[in-house]
Structures are given as structure tokens and as C-alpha cells.
Amino acid sequence: MKHLPIVIAVVAALAASSSFAQQSHQGMDMGGMKMDGTSSMGTSYPLTTGEVKAVNKERQMITLKHAAIKSATVEMSPMTMAFPVKDAAMLKNVKVGDTVKFTVENVKGQAMVTVLDPQT
């Protein structure tokens, strides 16, 4: 019975940390970022340069420290942010520390990496 409060505290901490790890960017304040889903058909945008900070193949996520992003559906200031990738195969040839060129698009209300080109 002495250990019950400790067990409860550990379980609560683990539950909180796993829910934090599962958070998405839905509902997050993205003020100043164009995320309206509108497309500028026929407009070509350059790829953005970024540095890979983390790769999570299991969750199909990549964390990038990136320059300003401007695509057909997303505009974002320079920052470090985790993004889902369109296809898990995109993560096969990247590792932490790599420089990449990439595009982010608004896919169903979520900023998603749709092009990922590792630089050699």
C-alpha cells in the first residue's frame, strides 16, 4: 500500500508523456502562416533548404530547421518544425545532419512535406 502513490504518479507521468508525443499540429496557433489550402495554379515555387534535426520512420515524420517556406499553399517563417511526409519512402535516404531541399504543402489542413531531395 505504501507504493500506491508512487505507482499512480509514474502511470500519470507516462500517460502524459505519451499523449504529448502523439500531439499533432492541428489546433496549433499558426498565425502568420498561409495555410488556407488555396493553390496558385501555374505558379512555380523554389524548393526550401533545411537541415534534418530528427527522423521518425515509424510515425513518418521529419524535423527540419528550415529557411522561409513559400509554396502554392503554405507560407512559413524560418523555424524548426516536425512535419509528416507524404510517403514513408522519402525518409530512406536522410539522416540527422543532412541538408535537404523540400516542399511543404497544405494537405487536408496539415503542413506536409511532399518533396524531399537530400543534398550531397
PDB file of N, CA and C in Angstrom:
ATOM      1  N   MET A   1       0.812  -1.185   0.000  1.00  0.00           N
ATOM      2  CA  MET A   1       0.000   0.000   0.000  1.00  0.00           C
ATOM      3  C   MET A   1       0.859   1.254   0.000  1.00  0.00           C
ATOM      4  N   LYS A   2       2.103   1.171   0.561  1.00  0.00           N
ATOM      5  CA  LYS A   2       2.984   2.331   0.610  1.00  0.00           C
ATOM      6  C   LYS A   2       3.368   2.811  -0.791  1.00  0.00           C
ATOM      7  N   HIS A   3       3.430   1.881  -1.712  1.00  0.00           N
ATOM      8  CA  HIS A   3       3.916   2.220  -3.047  1.00  0.00           C
ATOM      9  C   HIS A   3       2.809   2.710  -3.983  1.00  0.00           C
ATOM     10  N   LEU A   4       1.579   2.629  -3.573  1.00  0.00           N
ATOM     11  CA  LEU A   4       0.465   3.022  -4.437  1.00  0.00           C
ATOM     12  C   LEU A   4       0.578   4.461  -4.945  1.00  0.00           C
ATOM     13  N   PRO A   5       0.875   5.454  -4.103  1.00  0.00           N
ATOM     14  CA  PRO A   5       1.006   6.826  -4.630  1.00  0.00           C
ATOM     15  C   PRO A   5       2.131   6.963  -5.658  1.00  0.00           C
ATOM     16  N   ILE A   6       3.221   6.240  -5.464  1.00  0.00           N
ATOM     17  CA  ILE A   6       4.335   6.295  -6.415  1.00  0.00           C
ATOM     18  C   ILE A   6       3.920   5.667  -7.735  1.00  0.00           C
ATOM     19  N   VAL A   7       3.255   4.528  -7.675  1.00  0.00           N
ATOM     20  CA  VAL A   7       2.784   3.854  -8.887  1.00  0.00           C
ATOM     21  C   VAL A   7       1.816   4.762  -9.646  1.00  0.00           C
ATOM     22  N   ILE A   8       0.898   5.387  -8.947  1.00  0.00           N
ATOM     23  CA  ILE A   8      -0.064   6.291  -9.590  1.00  0.00           C
ATOM     24  C   ILE A   8       0.668   7.459 -10.251  1.00  0.00           C
ATOM     25  N   ALA A   9       1.655   8.032  -9.579  1.00  0.00           N
ATOM     26  CA  ALA A   9       2.416   9.156 -10.140  1.00  0.00           C
ATOM     27  C   ALA A   9       3.175   8.741 -11.395  1.00  0.00           C
ATOM     28  N   VAL A  10       3.788   7.561 -11.376  1.00  0.00           N
ATOM     29  CA  VAL A  10       4.531   7.076 -12.538  1.00  0.00           C
ATOM     30  C   VAL A  10       3.588   6.826 -13.711  1.00  0.00           C
ATOM     31  N   VAL A  11       2.461   6.189 -13.469  1.00  0.00           N
ATOM     32  CA  VAL A  11       1.482   5.926 -14.529  1.00  0.00           C
ATOM     33  C   VAL A  11       0.976   7.237 -15.120  1.00  0.00           C
ATOM     34  N   ALA A  12       0.677   8.208 -14.279  1.00  0.00           N
ATOM     35  CA  ALA A  12       0.198   9.513 -14.763  1.00  0.00           C
ATOM     36  C   ALA A  12       1.262  10.202 -15.610  1.00  0.00           C
ATOM     37  N   ALA A  13       2.517  10.143 -15.173  1.00  0.00           N
ATOM     38  CA  ALA A  13       3.605  10.772 -15.929  1.00  0.00           C
ATOM     39  C   ALA A  13       3.788  10.102 -17.284  1.00  0.00           C
ATOM     40  N   LEU A  14       3.737   8.776 -17.315  1.00  0.00           N
ATOM     41  CA  LEU A  14       3.871   8.059 -18.582  1.00  0.00           C
ATOM     42  C   LEU A  14       2.712   8.365 -19.525  1.00  0.00           C
ATOM     43  N   ALA A  15       1.518   8.414 -19.007  1.00  0.00           N
ATOM     44  CA  ALA A  15       0.351   8.730 -19.837  1.00  0.00           C
ATOM     45  C   ALA A  15       0.469  10.131 -20.412  1.00  0.00           C
ATOM     46  N   ALA A  16       0.905  11.074 -19.612  1.00  0.00           N
ATOM     47  CA  ALA A  16       1.049  12.458 -20.079  1.00  0.00           C
ATOM     48  C   ALA A  16       2.137  12.560 -21.135  1.00  0.00           C
ATOM     49  N   SER A  17       3.264  11.874 -20.932  1.00  0.00           N
ATOM     50  CA  SER A  17       4.357  11.984 -21.898  1.00  0.00           C
ATOM     51  C   SER A  17       3.998  11.330 -23.221  1.00  0.00           C
ATOM     52  N   SER A  18       3.275  10.215 -23.208  1.00  0.00           N
ATOM     53  CA  SER A  18       2.908   9.582 -24.474  1.00  0.00           C
ATOM     54  C   SER A  18       1.873  10.406 -25.223  1.00  0.00           C
ATOM     55  N   SER A  19       0.968  11.055 -24.511  1.00  0.00           N
ATOM     56  CA  SER A  19      -0.008  11.889 -25.213  1.00  0.00           C
ATOM     57  C   SER A  19       0.666  13.125 -25.783  1.00  0.00           C
ATOM     58  N   PHE A  20       1.685  13.652 -25.093  1.00  0.00           N
ATOM     59  CA  PHE A  20       2.431  14.792 -25.614  1.00  0.00           C
ATOM     60  C   PHE A  20       3.173  14.384 -26.883  1.00  0.00           C
ATOM     61  N   ALA A  21       3.762  13.192 -26.889  1.00  0.00           N
ATOM     62  CA  ALA A  21       4.499  12.722 -28.054  1.00  0.00           C
ATOM     63  C   ALA A  21       3.586  12.495 -29.244  1.00  0.00           C
ATOM     64  N   GLN A  22       2.313  12.230 -29.001  1.00  0.00           N
ATOM     65  CA  GLN A  22       1.364  11.962 -30.068  1.00  0.00           C
ATOM     66  C   GLN A  22       0.705  13.221 -30.613  1.00  0.00           C
ATOM     67  N   GLN A  23       1.030  14.379 -30.046  1.00  0.00           N
ATOM     68  CA  GLN A  23       0.327  15.589 -30.450  1.00  0.00           C
ATOM     69  C   GLN A  23       0.539  15.881 -31.923  1.00  0.00           C
ATOM     70  N   SER A  24      -0.460  16.449 -32.537  1.00  0.00           N
ATOM     71  CA  SER A  24      -0.338  16.900 -33.916  1.00  0.00           C
ATOM     72  C   SER A  24      -0.320  18.413 -33.891  1.00  0.00           C
ATOM     73  N   HIS A  25      -0.202  18.993 -35.040  1.00  0.00           N
ATOM     74  CA  HIS A  25      -0.198  20.448 -35.125  1.00  0.00           C
ATOM     75  C   HIS A  25      -1.606  20.982 -35.361  1.00  0.00           C
ATOM     76  N   GLN A  26      -2.613  20.093 -35.374  1.00  0.00           N
ATOM     77  CA  GLN A  26      -3.999  20.525 -35.511  1.00  0.00           C
ATOM     78  C   GLN A  26      -4.351  21.406 -34.321  1.00  0.00           C
ATOM     79  N   GLY A  27      -4.977  22.529 -34.555  1.00  0.00           N
ATOM     80  CA  GLY A  27      -5.399  23.412 -33.492  1.00  0.00           C
ATOM     81  C   GLY A  27      -4.286  24.309 -32.967  1.00  0.00           C
ATOM     82  N   MET A  28      -3.073  24.105 -33.446  1.00  0.00           N
ATOM     83  CA  MET A  28      -1.940  24.911 -33.001  1.00  0.00           C
ATOM     84  C   MET A  28      -2.017  26.284 -33.665  1.00  0.00           C
ATOM     85  N   ASP A  29      -1.658  27.329 -32.934  1.00  0.00           N
ATOM     86  CA  ASP A  29      -1.683  28.675 -33.492  1.00  0.00           C
ATOM     87  C   ASP A  29      -0.626  28.783 -34.576  1.00  0.00           C
ATOM     88  N   MET A  30      -1.054  28.908 -35.789  1.00  0.00           N
ATOM     89  CA  MET A  30      -0.150  29.038 -36.921  1.00  0.00           C
ATOM     90  C   MET A  30      -0.297  30.430 -37.520  1.00  0.00           C
ATOM     91  N   GLY A  31      -0.503  31.425 -36.648  1.00  0.00           N
ATOM     92  CA  GLY A  31      -0.657  32.804 -37.088  1.00  0.00           C
ATOM     93  C   GLY A  31       0.522  33.230 -37.944  1.00  0.00           C
ATOM     94  N   GLY A  32       0.242  33.944 -38.988  1.00  0.00           N
ATOM     95  CA  GLY A  32       1.295  34.412 -39.876  1.00  0.00           C
ATOM     96  C   GLY A  32       1.706  33.392 -40.914  1.00  0.00           C
ATOM     97  N   MET A  33       1.074  32.229 -40.903  1.00  0.00           N
ATOM     98  CA  MET A  33       1.396  31.204 -41.880  1.00  0.00           C
ATOM     99  C   MET A  33       0.218  31.032 -42.820  1.00  0.00           C
ATOM    100  N   LYS A  34       0.495  31.030 -44.109  1.00  0.00           N
ATOM    101  CA  LYS A  34      -0.559  30.799 -45.088  1.00  0.00           C
ATOM    102  C   LYS A  34      -0.841  29.306 -45.090  1.00  0.00           C
ATOM    103  N   MET A  35      -2.038  28.940 -44.659  1.00  0.00           N
ATOM    104  CA  MET A  35      -2.428  27.529 -44.618  1.00  0.00           C
ATOM    105  C   MET A  35      -3.872  27.403 -45.079  1.00  0.00           C
ATOM    106  N   ASP A  36      -4.255  28.215 -46.068  1.00  0.00           N
ATOM    107  CA  ASP A  36      -5.660  28.253 -46.451  1.00  0.00           C
ATOM    108  C   ASP A  36      -6.066  27.193 -47.458  1.00  0.00           C
ATOM    109  N   GLY A  37      -5.109  26.436 -47.966  1.00  0.00           N
ATOM    110  CA  GLY A  37      -5.443  25.370 -48.898  1.00  0.00           C
ATOM    111  C   GLY A  37      -5.664  25.854 -50.309  1.00  0.00           C
ATOM    112  N   THR A  38      -5.598  27.164 -50.540  1.00  0.00           N
ATOM    113  CA  THR A  38      -5.778  27.660 -51.895  1.00  0.00           C
ATOM    114  C   THR A  38      -4.493  27.438 -52.666  1.00  0.00           C
ATOM    115  N   SER A  39      -4.623  27.189 -53.915  1.00  0.00           N
ATOM    116  CA  SER A  39      -3.475  26.907 -54.751  1.00  0.00           C
ATOM    117  C   SER A  39      -3.270  28.029 -55.751  1.00  0.00           C
ATOM    118  N   SER A  40      -2.024  28.279 -56.071  1.00  0.00           N
ATOM    119  CA  SER A  40      -1.695  29.245 -57.114  1.00  0.00           C
ATOM    120  C   SER A  40      -1.322  28.442 -58.348  1.00  0.00           C
ATOM    121  N   MET A  41      -2.314  27.965 -59.060  1.00  0.00           N
ATOM    122  CA  MET A  41      -2.096  27.116 -60.226  1.00  0.00           C
ATOM    123  C   MET A  41      -1.183  27.814 -61.219  1.00  0.00           C
ATOM    124  N   GLY A  42      -0.236  27.063 -61.751  1.00  0.00           N
ATOM    125  CA  GLY A  42       0.656  27.596 -62.750  1.00  0.00           C
ATOM    126  C   GLY A  42       1.840  28.353 -62.166  1.00  0.00           C
ATOM    127  N   THR A  43       1.847  28.577 -60.864  1.00  0.00           N
ATOM    128  CA  THR A  43       2.956  29.275 -60.236  1.00  0.00           C
ATOM    129  C   THR A  43       3.979  28.254 -59.769  1.00  0.00           C
ATOM    130  N   SER A  44       5.238  28.507 -60.090  1.00  0.00           N
ATOM    131  CA  SER A  44       6.304  27.606 -59.687  1.00  0.00           C
ATOM    132  C   SER A  44       7.043  28.209 -58.496  1.00  0.00           C
ATOM    133  N   TYR A  45       7.265  27.414 -57.472  1.00  0.00           N
ATOM    134  CA  TYR A  45       7.955  27.871 -56.272  1.00  0.00           C
ATOM    135  C   TYR A  45       9.252  27.096 -56.110  1.00  0.00           C
ATOM    136  N   PRO A  46      10.327  27.776 -55.671  1.00  0.00           N
ATOM    137  CA  PRO A  46      11.592  27.064 -55.460  1.00  0.00           C
ATOM    138  C   PRO A  46      11.500  26.152 -54.240  1.00  0.00           C
ATOM    139  N   LEU A  47      12.330  25.121 -54.234  1.00  0.00           N
ATOM    140  CA  LEU A  47      12.411  24.250 -53.066  1.00  0.00           C
ATOM    141  C   LEU A  47      13.054  25.022 -51.919  1.00  0.00           C
ATOM    142  N   THR A  48      12.679  24.686 -50.703  1.00  0.00           N
ATOM    143  CA  THR A  48      13.227  25.309 -49.499  1.00  0.00           C
ATOM    144  C   THR A  48      14.406  24.477 -49.005  1.00  0.00           C
ATOM    145  N   THR A  49      15.412  25.130 -48.449  1.00  0.00           N
ATOM    146  CA  THR A  49      16.571  24.441 -47.885  1.00  0.00           C
ATOM    147  C   THR A  49      16.363  24.238 -46.388  1.00  0.00           C
ATOM    148  N   GLY A  50      16.727  23.055 -45.916  1.00  0.00           N
ATOM    149  CA  GLY A  50      16.599  22.770 -44.493  1.00  0.00           C
ATOM    150  C   GLY A  50      17.658  21.790 -44.020  1.00  0.00           C
ATOM    151  N   GLU A  51      17.809  21.721 -42.700  1.00  0.00           N
ATOM    152  CA  GLU A  51      18.718  20.762 -42.073  1.00  0.00           C
ATOM    153  C   GLU A  51      17.882  19.763 -41.288  1.00  0.00           C
ATOM    154  N   VAL A  52      18.153  18.475 -41.487  1.00  0.00           N
ATOM    155  CA  VAL A  52      17.416  17.421 -40.795  1.00  0.00           C
ATOM    156  C   VAL A  52      17.850  17.388 -39.335  1.00  0.00           C
ATOM    157  N   LYS A  53      16.883  17.552 -38.436  1.00  0.00           N
ATOM    158  CA  LYS A  53      17.143  17.524 -36.996  1.00  0.00           C
ATOM    159  C   LYS A  53      16.700  16.206 -36.370  1.00  0.00           C
ATOM    160  N   ALA A  54      15.698  15.545 -36.962  1.00  0.00           N
ATOM    161  CA  ALA A  54      15.217  14.251 -36.456  1.00  0.00           C
ATOM    162  C   ALA A  54      14.453  13.545 -37.565  1.00  0.00           C
ATOM    163  N   VAL A  55      14.500  12.215 -37.537  1.00  0.00           N
ATOM    164  CA  VAL A  55      13.752  11.386 -38.482  1.00  0.00           C
ATOM    165  C   VAL A  55      13.032  10.318 -37.670  1.00  0.00           C
ATOM    166  N   ASN A  56      11.717  10.209 -37.855  1.00  0.00           N
ATOM    167  CA  ASN A  56      10.932   9.180 -37.177  1.00  0.00           C
ATOM    168  C   ASN A  56      10.212   8.381 -38.259  1.00  0.00           C
ATOM    169  N   LYS A  57      10.858   7.295 -38.700  1.00  0.00           N
ATOM    170  CA  LYS A  57      10.303   6.487 -39.786  1.00  0.00           C
ATOM    171  C   LYS A  57       8.991   5.831 -39.381  1.00  0.00           C
ATOM    172  N   GLU A  58       8.888   5.437 -38.120  1.00  0.00           N
ATOM    173  CA  GLU A  58       7.673   4.779 -37.637  1.00  0.00           C
ATOM    174  C   GLU A  58       6.443   5.683 -37.768  1.00  0.00           C
ATOM    175  N   ARG A  59       6.617   6.960 -37.447  1.00  0.00           N
ATOM    176  CA  ARG A  59       5.495   7.915 -37.500  1.00  0.00           C
ATOM    177  C   ARG A  59       5.457   8.700 -38.807  1.00  0.00           C
ATOM    178  N   GLN A  60       6.408   8.419 -39.723  1.00  0.00           N
ATOM    179  CA  GLN A  60       6.513   9.131 -40.995  1.00  0.00           C
ATOM    180  C   GLN A  60       6.644  10.637 -40.777  1.00  0.00           C
ATOM    181  N   MET A  61       7.579  11.016 -39.876  1.00  0.00           N
ATOM    182  CA  MET A  61       7.800  12.425 -39.540  1.00  0.00           C
ATOM    183  C   MET A  61       9.271  12.783 -39.736  1.00  0.00           C
ATOM    184  N   ILE A  62       9.496  14.038 -40.120  1.00  0.00           N
ATOM    185  CA  ILE A  62      10.844  14.577 -40.214  1.00  0.00           C
ATOM    186  C   ILE A  62      10.844  15.950 -39.550  1.00  0.00           C
ATOM    187  N   THR A  63      11.858  16.218 -38.747  1.00  0.00           N
ATOM    188  CA  THR A  63      12.000  17.532 -38.122  1.00  0.00           C
ATOM    189  C   THR A  63      13.077  18.281 -38.883  1.00  0.00           C
ATOM    190  N   LEU A  64      12.714  19.470 -39.362  1.00  0.00           N
ATOM    191  CA  LEU A  64      13.612  20.275 -40.181  1.00  0.00           C
ATOM    192  C   LEU A  64      13.816  21.660 -39.586  1.00  0.00           C
ATOM    193  N   LYS A  65      15.055  22.110 -39.571  1.00  0.00           N
ATOM    194  CA  LYS A  65      15.365  23.513 -39.288  1.00  0.00           C
ATOM    195  C   LYS A  65      15.429  24.138 -40.674  1.00  0.00           C
ATOM    196  N   HIS A  66      14.457  24.998 -40.975  1.00  0.00           N
ATOM    197  CA  HIS A  66      14.317  25.429 -42.363  1.00  0.00           C
ATOM    198  C   HIS A  66      14.328  26.942 -42.546  1.00  0.00           C
ATOM    199  N   ALA A  67      14.643  27.324 -43.769  1.00  0.00           N
ATOM    200  CA  ALA A  67      14.539  28.717 -44.196  1.00  0.00           C
ATOM    201  C   ALA A  67      13.054  29.019 -44.387  1.00  0.00           C
ATOM    202  N   ALA A  68      12.747  30.236 -44.774  1.00  0.00           N
ATOM    203  CA  ALA A  68      11.349  30.602 -45.037  1.00  0.00           C
ATOM    204  C   ALA A  68      10.781  29.683 -46.114  1.00  0.00           C
ATOM    205  N   ILE A  69       9.547  29.238 -45.898  1.00  0.00           N
ATOM    206  CA  ILE A  69       8.866  28.350 -46.842  1.00  0.00           C
ATOM    207  C   ILE A  69       7.828  29.155 -47.603  1.00  0.00           C
ATOM    208  N   LYS A  70       7.826  28.990 -48.924  1.00  0.00           N
ATOM    209  CA  LYS A  70       6.776  29.582 -49.752  1.00  0.00           C
ATOM    210  C   LYS A  70       6.441  28.556 -50.821  1.00  0.00           C
ATOM    211  N   SER A  71       5.232  28.021 -50.722  1.00  0.00           N
ATOM    212  CA  SER A  71       4.761  27.066 -51.722  1.00  0.00           C
ATOM    213  C   SER A  71       3.393  27.536 -52.196  1.00  0.00           C
ATOM    214  N   ALA A  72       2.747  26.732 -53.003  1.00  0.00           N
ATOM    215  CA  ALA A  72       1.427  27.106 -53.518  1.00  0.00           C
ATOM    216  C   ALA A  72       0.402  27.255 -52.406  1.00  0.00           C
ATOM    217  N   THR A  73       0.557  26.501 -51.309  1.00  0.00           N
ATOM    218  CA  THR A  73      -0.473  26.515 -50.261  1.00  0.00           C
ATOM    219  C   THR A  73       0.042  26.825 -48.862  1.00  0.00           C
ATOM    220  N   VAL A  74       1.356  26.997 -48.699  1.00  0.00           N
ATOM    221  CA  VAL A  74       1.924  27.246 -47.368  1.00  0.00           C
ATOM    222  C   VAL A  74       2.983  28.345 -47.448  1.00  0.00           C
ATOM    223  N   GLU A  75       2.920  29.271 -46.509  1.00  0.00           N
ATOM    224  CA  GLU A  75       3.990  30.249 -46.298  1.00  0.00           C
ATOM    225  C   GLU A  75       4.328  30.207 -44.818  1.00  0.00           C
ATOM    226  N   MET A  76       5.626  30.094 -44.508  1.00  0.00           N
ATOM    227  CA  MET A  76       6.040  29.918 -43.123  1.00  0.00           C
ATOM    228  C   MET A  76       7.388  30.603 -42.908  1.00  0.00           C
ATOM    229  N   SER A  77       7.542  31.249 -41.776  1.00  0.00           N
ATOM    230  CA  SER A  77       8.820  31.872 -41.412  1.00  0.00           C
ATOM    231  C   SER A  77       9.852  30.796 -41.092  1.00  0.00           C
ATOM    232  N   PRO A  78      11.137  31.165 -41.092  1.00  0.00           N
ATOM    233  CA  PRO A  78      12.171  30.195 -40.705  1.00  0.00           C
ATOM    234  C   PRO A  78      11.944  29.707 -39.275  1.00  0.00           C
ATOM    235  N   MET A  79      12.107  28.416 -39.059  1.00  0.00           N
ATOM    236  CA  MET A  79      11.947  27.813 -37.733  1.00  0.00           C
ATOM    237  C   MET A  79      12.383  26.361 -37.793  1.00  0.00           C
ATOM    238  N   THR A  80      12.296  25.682 -36.679  1.00  0.00           N
ATOM    239  CA  THR A  80      12.495  24.236 -36.628  1.00  0.00           C
ATOM    240  C   THR A  80      11.143  23.622 -36.316  1.00  0.00           C
ATOM    241  N   MET A  81      10.725  22.663 -37.152  1.00  0.00           N
ATOM    242  CA  MET A  81       9.380  22.093 -37.008  1.00  0.00           C
ATOM    243  C   MET A  81       9.359  20.655 -37.510  1.00  0.00           C
ATOM    244  N   ALA A  82       8.529  19.836 -36.883  1.00  0.00           N
ATOM    245  CA  ALA A  82       8.315  18.459 -37.328  1.00  0.00           C
ATOM    246  C   ALA A  82       7.181  18.443 -38.341  1.00  0.00           C
ATOM    247  N   PHE A  83       7.385  17.727 -39.434  1.00  0.00           N
ATOM    248  CA  PHE A  83       6.386  17.604 -40.485  1.00  0.00           C
ATOM    249  C   PHE A  83       6.130  16.131 -40.787  1.00  0.00           C
ATOM    250  N   PRO A  84       4.896  15.772 -41.105  1.00  0.00           N
ATOM    251  CA  PRO A  84       4.663  14.450 -41.679  1.00  0.00           C
ATOM    252  C   PRO A  84       5.161  14.476 -43.123  1.00  0.00           C
ATOM    253  N   VAL A  85       5.519  13.313 -43.648  1.00  0.00           N
ATOM    254  CA  VAL A  85       5.931  13.221 -45.046  1.00  0.00           C
ATOM    255  C   VAL A  85       4.857  12.487 -45.833  1.00  0.00           C
ATOM    256  N   LYS A  86       4.740  12.833 -47.106  1.00  0.00           N
ATOM    257  CA  LYS A  86       3.706  12.262 -47.976  1.00  0.00           C
ATOM    258  C   LYS A  86       3.871  10.747 -48.127  1.00  0.00           C
ATOM    259  N   ASP A  87       5.134  10.296 -48.179  1.00  0.00           N
ATOM    260  CA  ASP A  87       5.414   8.881 -48.413  1.00  0.00           C
ATOM    261  C   ASP A  87       6.586   8.454 -47.518  1.00  0.00           C
ATOM    262  N   ALA A  88       6.432   7.358 -46.805  1.00  0.00           N
ATOM    263  CA  ALA A  88       7.475   6.871 -45.889  1.00  0.00           C
ATOM    264  C   ALA A  88       8.798   6.633 -46.607  1.00  0.00           C
ATOM    265  N   ALA A  89       8.757   6.280 -47.888  1.00  0.00           N
ATOM    266  CA  ALA A  89       9.981   6.022 -48.654  1.00  0.00           C
ATOM    267  C   ALA A  89      10.867   7.262 -48.746  1.00  0.00           C
ATOM    268  N   MET A  90      10.281   8.437 -48.559  1.00  0.00           N
ATOM    269  CA  MET A  90      11.049   9.686 -48.619  1.00  0.00           C
ATOM    270  C   MET A  90      12.110   9.737 -47.518  1.00  0.00           C
ATOM    271  N   LEU A  91      11.910   8.997 -46.436  1.00  0.00           N
ATOM    272  CA  LEU A  91      12.815   9.055 -45.287  1.00  0.00           C
ATOM    273  C   LEU A  91      13.973   8.060 -45.375  1.00  0.00           C
ATOM    274  N   LYS A  92      13.984   7.209 -46.398  1.00  0.00           N
ATOM    275  CA  LYS A  92      15.007   6.163 -46.510  1.00  0.00           C
ATOM    276  C   LYS A  92      16.426   6.704 -46.618  1.00  0.00           C
ATOM    277  N   ASN A  93      16.600   7.803 -47.332  1.00  0.00           N
ATOM    278  CA  ASN A  93      17.950   8.285 -47.625  1.00  0.00           C
ATOM    279  C   ASN A  93      18.325   9.565 -46.898  1.00  0.00           C
ATOM    280  N   VAL A  94      17.677   9.847 -45.765  1.00  0.00           N
ATOM    281  CA  VAL A  94      18.033  11.040 -44.991  1.00  0.00           C
ATOM    282  C   VAL A  94      18.370  10.650 -43.555  1.00  0.00           C
ATOM    283  N   LYS A  95      19.271  11.434 -42.972  1.00  0.00           N
ATOM    284  CA  LYS A  95      19.646  11.209 -41.573  1.00  0.00           C
ATOM    285  C   LYS A  95      19.878  12.563 -40.915  1.00  0.00           C
ATOM    286  N   VAL A  96      19.920  12.558 -39.599  1.00  0.00           N
ATOM    287  CA  VAL A  96      20.153  13.779 -38.834  1.00  0.00           C
ATOM    288  C   VAL A  96      21.449  14.431 -39.314  1.00  0.00           C
ATOM    289  N   GLY A  97      21.387  15.734 -39.549  1.00  0.00           N
ATOM    290  CA  GLY A  97      22.545  16.497 -40.003  1.00  0.00           C
ATOM    291  C   GLY A  97      22.575  16.740 -41.496  1.00  0.00           C
ATOM    292  N   ASP A  98      21.796  15.963 -42.262  1.00  0.00           N
ATOM    293  CA  ASP A  98      21.754  16.145 -43.717  1.00  0.00           C
ATOM    294  C   ASP A  98      21.116  17.478 -44.087  1.00  0.00           C
ATOM    295  N   THR A  99      21.573  18.036 -45.201  1.00  0.00           N
ATOM    296  CA  THR A  99      20.917  19.194 -45.803  1.00  0.00           C
ATOM    297  C   THR A  99      19.974  18.658 -46.869  1.00  0.00           C
ATOM    298  N   VAL A 100      18.760  19.195 -46.903  1.00  0.00           N
ATOM    299  CA  VAL A 100      17.760  18.756 -47.874  1.00  0.00           C
ATOM    300  C   VAL A 100      17.112  19.964 -48.543  1.00  0.00           C
ATOM    301  N   LYS A 101      16.571  19.735 -49.716  1.00  0.00           N
ATOM    302  CA  LYS A 101      15.692  20.689 -50.392  1.00  0.00           C
ATOM    303  C   LYS A 101      14.317  20.039 -50.334  1.00  0.00           C
ATOM    304  N   PHE A 102      13.284  20.833 -50.038  1.00  0.00           N
ATOM    305  CA  PHE A 102      11.967  20.236 -49.850  1.00  0.00           C
ATOM    306  C   PHE A 102      10.850  21.220 -50.171  1.00  0.00           C
ATOM    307  N   THR A 103       9.661  20.665 -50.308  1.00  0.00           N
ATOM    308  CA  THR A 103       8.441  21.448 -50.492  1.00  0.00           C
ATOM    309  C   THR A 103       7.439  21.008 -49.443  1.00  0.00           C
ATOM    310  N   VAL A 104       6.724  21.981 -48.878  1.00  0.00           N
ATOM    311  CA  VAL A 104       5.649  21.709 -47.926  1.00  0.00           C
ATOM    312  C   VAL A 104       4.351  22.199 -48.544  1.00  0.00           C
ATOM    313  N   GLU A 105       3.328  21.369 -48.493  1.00  0.00           N
ATOM    314  CA  GLU A 105       2.004  21.739 -48.997  1.00  0.00           C
ATOM    315  C   GLU A 105       0.965  21.495 -47.908  1.00  0.00           C
ATOM    316  N   ASN A 106      -0.139  22.199 -48.013  1.00  0.00           N
ATOM    317  CA  ASN A 106      -1.274  22.004 -47.110  1.00  0.00           C
ATOM    318  C   ASN A 106      -2.061  20.805 -47.627  1.00  0.00           C
ATOM    319  N   VAL A 107      -2.032  19.715 -46.883  1.00  0.00           N
ATOM    320  CA  VAL A 107      -2.765  18.501 -47.242  1.00  0.00           C
ATOM    321  C   VAL A 107      -3.802  18.257 -46.155  1.00  0.00           C
ATOM    322  N   LYS A 108      -5.052  18.487 -46.489  1.00  0.00           N
ATOM    323  CA  LYS A 108      -6.164  18.315 -45.544  1.00  0.00           C
ATOM    324  C   LYS A 108      -5.938  19.103 -44.255  1.00  0.00           C
ATOM    325  N   GLY A 109      -5.468  20.347 -44.398  1.00  0.00           N
ATOM    326  CA  GLY A 109      -5.296  21.225 -43.250  1.00  0.00           C
ATOM    327  C   GLY A 109      -4.016  21.029 -42.470  1.00  0.00           C
ATOM    328  N   GLN A 110      -3.107  20.196 -42.981  1.00  0.00           N
ATOM    329  CA  GLN A 110      -1.859  19.924 -42.274  1.00  0.00           C
ATOM    330  C   GLN A 110      -0.674  20.197 -43.201  1.00  0.00           C
ATOM    331  N   ALA A 111       0.328  20.909 -42.681  1.00  0.00           N
ATOM    332  CA  ALA A 111       1.549  21.159 -43.450  1.00  0.00           C
ATOM    333  C   ALA A 111       2.307  19.839 -43.585  1.00  0.00           C
ATOM    334  N   MET A 112       2.520  19.400 -44.845  1.00  0.00           N
ATOM    335  CA  MET A 112       3.134  18.098 -45.099  1.00  0.00           C
ATOM    336  C   MET A 112       4.254  18.234 -46.126  1.00  0.00           C
ATOM    337  N   VAL A 113       5.377  17.544 -45.891  1.00  0.00           N
ATOM    338  CA  VAL A 113       6.464  17.513 -46.865  1.00  0.00           C
ATOM    339  C   VAL A 113       6.019  16.629 -48.024  1.00  0.00           C
ATOM    340  N   THR A 114       5.983  17.226 -49.229  1.00  0.00           N
ATOM    341  CA  THR A 114       5.545  16.485 -50.413  1.00  0.00           C
ATOM    342  C   THR A 114       6.696  16.183 -51.360  1.00  0.00           C
ATOM    343  N   VAL A 115       7.799  16.921 -51.221  1.00  0.00           N
ATOM    344  CA  VAL A 115       9.016  16.684 -51.998  1.00  0.00           C
ATOM    345  C   VAL A 115      10.177  16.760 -51.016  1.00  0.00           C
ATOM    346  N   LEU A 116      11.080  15.785 -51.065  1.00  0.00           N
ATOM    347  CA  LEU A 116      12.247  15.775 -50.177  1.00  0.00           C
ATOM    348  C   LEU A 116      13.447  15.306 -50.985  1.00  0.00           C
ATOM    349  N   ASP A 117      14.421  16.200 -51.171  1.00  0.00           N
ATOM    350  CA  ASP A 117      15.579  15.927 -52.012  1.00  0.00           C
ATOM    351  C   ASP A 117      16.862  16.094 -51.196  1.00  0.00           C
ATOM    352  N   PRO A 118      17.466  14.976 -50.734  1.00  0.00           N
ATOM    353  CA  PRO A 118      18.717  15.071 -49.979  1.00  0.00           C
ATOM    354  C   PRO A 118      19.816  15.681 -50.854  1.00  0.00           C
ATOM    355  N   GLN A 119      20.620  16.572 -50.271  1.00  0.00           N
ATOM    356  CA  GLN A 119      21.721  17.210 -50.993  1.00  0.00           C
ATOM    357  C   GLN A 119      23.013  16.480 -50.657  1.00  0.00           C
ATOM    358  N   THR A 120      23.838  16.256 -51.668  1.00  0.00           N
ATOM    359  CA  THR A 120      25.100  15.546 -51.419  1.00  0.00           C
ATOM    360  C   THR A 120      26.279  16.465 -51.511  1.00  0.00           C
TER     361      THR A 120
END
